C-alpha atoms as a PDB file:
ATOM      1  CA  UNK A   1     187.844 188.298  -9.901  1.00  0.00           C
ATOM      2  CA  UNK A   2     187.443 191.413  -7.775  1.00  0.00           C
ATOM      3  CA  UNK A   3     189.461 191.932  -4.621  1.00  0.00           C
ATOM      4  CA  UNK A   4     187.668 191.837  -1.297  1.00  0.00           C
ATOM      5  CA  UNK A   5     187.252 194.599   1.207  1.00  0.00           C
ATOM      6  CA  UNK A   6     189.933 194.917   3.869  1.00  0.00           C
ATOM      7  CA  UNK A   7     189.116 194.617   7.559  1.00  0.00           C
ATOM      8  CA  UNK A   8     189.326 198.162   8.931  1.00  0.00           C
ATOM      9  CA  UNK A   9     188.702 199.822  12.279  1.00  0.00           C
ATOM     10  CA  UNK A  10     187.121 203.190  12.984  1.00  0.00           C
ATOM     11  CA  UNK A  11     190.483 204.448  14.201  1.00  0.00           C
ATOM     12  CA  UNK A  12     192.137 203.369  10.941  1.00  0.00           C
ATOM     13  CA  UNK A  13     189.439 205.111   8.879  1.00  0.00           C
ATOM     14  CA  UNK A  14     189.896 208.360  10.813  1.00  0.00           C
ATOM     15  CA  UNK A  15     193.647 208.248  10.088  1.00  0.00           C
ATOM     16  CA  UNK A  16     193.027 207.439   6.415  1.00  0.00           C
ATOM     17  CA  UNK A  17     190.479 210.200   5.902  1.00  0.00           C
ATOM     18  CA  UNK A  18     192.710 212.652   7.774  1.00  0.00           C
ATOM     19  CA  UNK A  19     195.266 212.190   4.966  1.00  0.00           C
ATOM     20  CA  UNK A  20     192.580 213.419   2.548  1.00  0.00           C
ATOM     21  CA  UNK A  21     191.939 216.554   4.615  1.00  0.00           C
ATOM     22  CA  UNK A  22     189.029 215.394   6.803  1.00  0.00           C
ATOM     23  CA  UNK A  23     188.770 216.330  10.486  1.00  0.00           C
ATOM     24  CA  UNK A  24     186.473 214.886  13.149  1.00  0.00           C
ATOM     25  CA  UNK A  25     183.829 217.456  14.034  1.00  0.00           C
ATOM     26  CA  UNK A  26     181.395 215.425  16.166  1.00  0.00           C
ATOM     27  CA  UNK A  27     180.532 212.029  17.574  1.00  0.00           C
ATOM     28  CA  UNK A  28     181.575 209.187  19.810  1.00  0.00           C
ATOM     29  CA  UNK A  29     180.265 205.825  18.504  1.00  0.00           C
ATOM     30  CA  UNK A  30     179.677 207.304  15.051  1.00  0.00           C
ATOM     31  CA  UNK A  31     181.952 210.102  13.907  1.00  0.00           C
ATOM     32  CA  UNK A  32     181.178 212.953  11.572  1.00  0.00           C
ATOM     33  CA  UNK A  33     184.213 213.947   9.506  1.00  0.00           C
ATOM     34  CA  UNK A  34     184.320 217.066   7.347  1.00  0.00           C
ATOM     35  CA  UNK A  35     186.623 218.785   4.925  1.00  0.00           C
ATOM     36  CA  UNK A  36     186.161 222.109   3.227  1.00  0.00           C
ATOM     37  CA  UNK A  37     187.077 222.497  -0.425  1.00  0.00           C
ATOM     38  CA  UNK A  38     186.744 225.559  -2.668  1.00  0.00           C
ATOM     39  CA  UNK A  39     183.631 223.964  -4.178  1.00  0.00           C
ATOM     40  CA  UNK A  40     181.866 222.609  -1.091  1.00  0.00           C
ATOM     41  CA  UNK A  41     181.909 221.238   2.446  1.00  0.00           C
ATOM     42  CA  UNK A  42     182.121 217.440   2.285  1.00  0.00           C
ATOM     43  CA  UNK A  43     180.955 215.194   5.117  1.00  0.00           C
ATOM     44  CA  UNK A  44     181.462 211.515   5.908  1.00  0.00           C
ATOM     45  CA  UNK A  45     179.837 209.661   8.802  1.00  0.00           C
ATOM     46  CA  UNK A  46     181.620 206.520   9.953  1.00  0.00           C
ATOM     47  CA  UNK A  47     181.162 204.126  12.865  1.00  0.00           C
ATOM     48  CA  UNK A  48     183.981 204.206  15.396  1.00  0.00           C
ATOM     49  CA  UNK A  49     184.027 200.428  15.898  1.00  0.00           C
ATOM     50  CA  UNK A  50     186.790 197.820  16.058  1.00  0.00           C
ATOM     51  CA  UNK A  51     186.455 196.339  13.487  1.00  0.00           C
ATOM     52  CA  UNK A  52     183.926 197.974  11.171  1.00  0.00           C
ATOM     53  CA  UNK A  53     181.182 195.469  10.291  1.00  0.00           C
ATOM     54  CA  UNK A  54     181.644 193.759   6.911  1.00  0.00           C
ATOM     55  CA  UNK A  55     178.129 194.850   5.902  1.00  0.00           C
ATOM     56  CA  UNK A  56     178.958 198.493   6.660  1.00  0.00           C
ATOM     57  CA  UNK A  57     182.257 198.793   4.769  1.00  0.00           C
ATOM     58  CA  UNK A  58     180.697 198.729   1.259  1.00  0.00           C
ATOM     59  CA  UNK A  59     178.539 201.750   2.130  1.00  0.00           C
ATOM     60  CA  UNK A  60     181.538 203.634   3.555  1.00  0.00           C
ATOM     61  CA  UNK A  61     183.589 202.744   0.473  1.00  0.00           C
ATOM     62  CA  UNK A  62     180.804 203.885  -1.845  1.00  0.00           C
ATOM     63  CA  UNK A  63     180.380 207.194  -0.027  1.00  0.00           C
ATOM     64  CA  UNK A  64     184.137 207.805   0.177  1.00  0.00           C
ATOM     65  CA  UNK A  65     184.790 206.959  -3.478  1.00  0.00           C
ATOM     66  CA  UNK A  66     182.218 209.555  -4.569  1.00  0.00           C
ATOM     67  CA  UNK A  67     183.844 212.273  -2.447  1.00  0.00           C
ATOM     68  CA  UNK A  68     187.493 211.196  -2.802  1.00  0.00           C
ATOM     69  CA  UNK A  69     188.020 210.722  -6.510  1.00  0.00           C
ATOM     70  CA  UNK A  70     191.401 209.079  -6.338  1.00  0.00           C
ATOM     71  CA  UNK A  71     192.771 205.616  -7.161  1.00  0.00           C
ATOM     72  CA  UNK A  72     194.341 205.615  -3.707  1.00  0.00           C
ATOM     73  CA  UNK A  73     190.818 205.468  -2.248  1.00  0.00           C
ATOM     74  CA  UNK A  74     190.359 202.076  -3.924  1.00  0.00           C
ATOM     75  CA  UNK A  75     193.694 200.818  -2.573  1.00  0.00           C
ATOM     76  CA  UNK A  76     192.599 201.743   0.951  1.00  0.00           C
ATOM     77  CA  UNK A  77     189.497 199.560   0.877  1.00  0.00           C
ATOM     78  CA  UNK A  78     190.182 196.751  -1.622  1.00  0.00           C
ATOM     79  CA  UNK A  79     192.670 193.966  -0.907  1.00  0.00           C
ATOM     80  CA  UNK A  80     193.704 193.692  -4.561  1.00  0.00           C
ATOM     81  CA  UNK A  81     193.217 197.017  -6.366  1.00  0.00           C
ATOM     82  CA  UNK A  82     194.734 195.578  -9.550  1.00  0.00           C
ATOM     83  CA  UNK A  83     191.693 193.293  -9.807  1.00  0.00           C
ATOM     84  CA  UNK A  84     189.191 196.155  -9.342  1.00  0.00           C
ATOM     85  CA  UNK A  85     187.686 197.741 -12.421  1.00  0.00           C
ATOM     86  CA  UNK A  86     185.675 200.937 -12.445  1.00  0.00           C
ATOM     87  CA  UNK A  87     182.287 200.920 -14.117  1.00  0.00           C
END
């Protein structure tokens, strides 16, 4: 069985994405975060809500996992990363 998504706040997501090099460049209720890499500028848009709606988290996870290609991205969002399988 797959693990479920964690309950996260906008503030928590900003702190998490900051660890991956993202900075807030615009917004109030919805924040635009950006990081610059040698290959490209990468942008994430997240709601700054407490908590983030359960229906919204899968989209944020999907977007983040495409940009942040790291197993630690899965551990951030999924309650039991050992139960998650890619593909």
